[in-house]
Amino acid sequence: MPHTHVSTKAEAIHDALEVFQEVHHHQPDAHEKARLVSDTIKEWEHEQVEEMHAADNAA
């Protein structure tokens, strides 16, 4: 999963859905969407934690 680099979960999910549609040429079904949302949230939260740790280490 690519890094999201956006400020909110909603933006990350929106971007992930757009990328899915571009790559697969269809909208995700319910199962694909659930997996995509879950994976995107995990990645977004992981990035937020990394940013907080980087900021703590820089201080």
C-alpha atoms as a PDB file:
ATOM      1  CA  MET A   1       0.000   0.000   0.000  1.00  0.00           C
ATOM      2  CA  PRO A   2       1.406   3.396  -0.927  1.00  0.00           C
ATOM      3  CA  HIS A   3       1.968   6.025   1.694  1.00  0.00           C
ATOM      4  CA  THR A   4      -1.033   8.248   2.082  1.00  0.00           C
ATOM      5  CA  HIS A   5       0.638  11.562   3.044  1.00  0.00           C
ATOM      6  CA  VAL A   6      -2.703  13.226   3.728  1.00  0.00           C
ATOM      7  CA  SER A   7      -3.898  14.931   6.871  1.00  0.00           C
ATOM      8  CA  THR A   8      -7.119  12.998   7.519  1.00  0.00           C
ATOM      9  CA  LYS A   9      -8.351   9.416   7.361  1.00  0.00           C
ATOM     10  CA  ALA A  10     -11.213  10.541   5.147  1.00  0.00           C
ATOM     11  CA  GLU A  11      -8.804  11.950   2.559  1.00  0.00           C
ATOM     12  CA  ALA A  12      -6.730   8.778   2.658  1.00  0.00           C
ATOM     13  CA  ILE A  13      -9.809   6.609   2.104  1.00  0.00           C
ATOM     14  CA  HIS A  14     -11.070   8.833  -0.702  1.00  0.00           C
ATOM     15  CA  ASP A  15      -7.679   8.679  -2.439  1.00  0.00           C
ATOM     16  CA  ALA A  16      -7.454   4.902  -1.991  1.00  0.00           C
ATOM     17  CA  LEU A  17     -10.900   4.421  -3.539  1.00  0.00           C
ATOM     18  CA  GLU A  18      -9.934   6.591  -6.515  1.00  0.00           C
ATOM     19  CA  VAL A  19      -6.704   4.660  -7.051  1.00  0.00           C
ATOM     20  CA  PHE A  20      -8.558   1.338  -6.821  1.00  0.00           C
ATOM     21  CA  GLN A  21     -11.026   2.461  -9.483  1.00  0.00           C
ATOM     22  CA  GLU A  22      -8.240   3.662 -11.781  1.00  0.00           C
ATOM     23  CA  VAL A  23      -6.260   0.427 -11.417  1.00  0.00           C
ATOM     24  CA  HIS A  24      -9.152  -2.047 -11.572  1.00  0.00           C
ATOM     25  CA  HIS A  25     -11.489  -0.072 -13.866  1.00  0.00           C
ATOM     26  CA  HIS A  26     -14.490  -0.655 -11.609  1.00  0.00           C
ATOM     27  CA  GLN A  27     -15.795   0.436  -8.245  1.00  0.00           C
ATOM     28  CA  PRO A  28     -14.921  -1.916  -5.387  1.00  0.00           C
ATOM     29  CA  ASP A  29     -17.601  -4.313  -4.213  1.00  0.00           C
ATOM     30  CA  ALA A  30     -18.501  -4.381  -0.514  1.00  0.00           C
ATOM     31  CA  HIS A  31     -15.740  -6.834   0.427  1.00  0.00           C
ATOM     32  CA  GLU A  32     -13.071  -5.033  -1.586  1.00  0.00           C
ATOM     33  CA  LYS A  33     -14.150  -1.706  -0.135  1.00  0.00           C
ATOM     34  CA  ALA A  34     -14.065  -3.011   3.445  1.00  0.00           C
ATOM     35  CA  ARG A  35     -10.563  -4.405   2.955  1.00  0.00           C
ATOM     36  CA  LEU A  36      -9.386  -1.235   1.232  1.00  0.00           C
ATOM     37  CA  VAL A  37     -10.784   1.005   3.990  1.00  0.00           C
ATOM     38  CA  SER A  38      -9.259  -1.170   6.706  1.00  0.00           C
ATOM     39  CA  ASP A  39      -5.830  -1.296   5.036  1.00  0.00           C
ATOM     40  CA  THR A  40      -5.881   2.432   4.336  1.00  0.00           C
ATOM     41  CA  ILE A  41      -6.729   3.307   7.937  1.00  0.00           C
ATOM     42  CA  LYS A  42      -3.948   1.041   9.230  1.00  0.00           C
ATOM     43  CA  GLU A  43      -1.421   2.650   6.884  1.00  0.00           C
ATOM     44  CA  TRP A  44      -2.599   6.186   7.695  1.00  0.00           C
ATOM     45  CA  GLU A  45      -2.367   5.532  11.449  1.00  0.00           C
ATOM     46  CA  HIS A  46       1.077   3.961  11.044  1.00  0.00           C
ATOM     47  CA  GLU A  47       2.260   7.076   9.187  1.00  0.00           C
ATOM     48  CA  GLN A  48       0.849   9.321  11.919  1.00  0.00           C
ATOM     49  CA  VAL A  49       2.762   7.378  14.580  1.00  0.00           C
ATOM     50  CA  GLU A  50       5.977   7.600  12.527  1.00  0.00           C
ATOM     51  CA  GLU A  51       5.529  11.370  12.180  1.00  0.00           C
ATOM     52  CA  MET A  52       4.952  11.770  15.933  1.00  0.00           C
ATOM     53  CA  HIS A  53       8.068   9.743  16.726  1.00  0.00           C
ATOM     54  CA  ALA A  54      10.122  11.731  14.231  1.00  0.00           C
ATOM     55  CA  ALA A  55       8.910  14.983  15.781  1.00  0.00           C
ATOM     56  CA  ASP A  56       9.685  13.686  19.305  1.00  0.00           C
ATOM     57  CA  ASN A  57      13.190  12.609  18.239  1.00  0.00           C
ATOM     58  CA  ALA A  58      13.865  15.966  16.579  1.00  0.00           C
ATOM     59  CA  ALA A  59      12.940  17.890  19.717  1.00  0.00           C
END
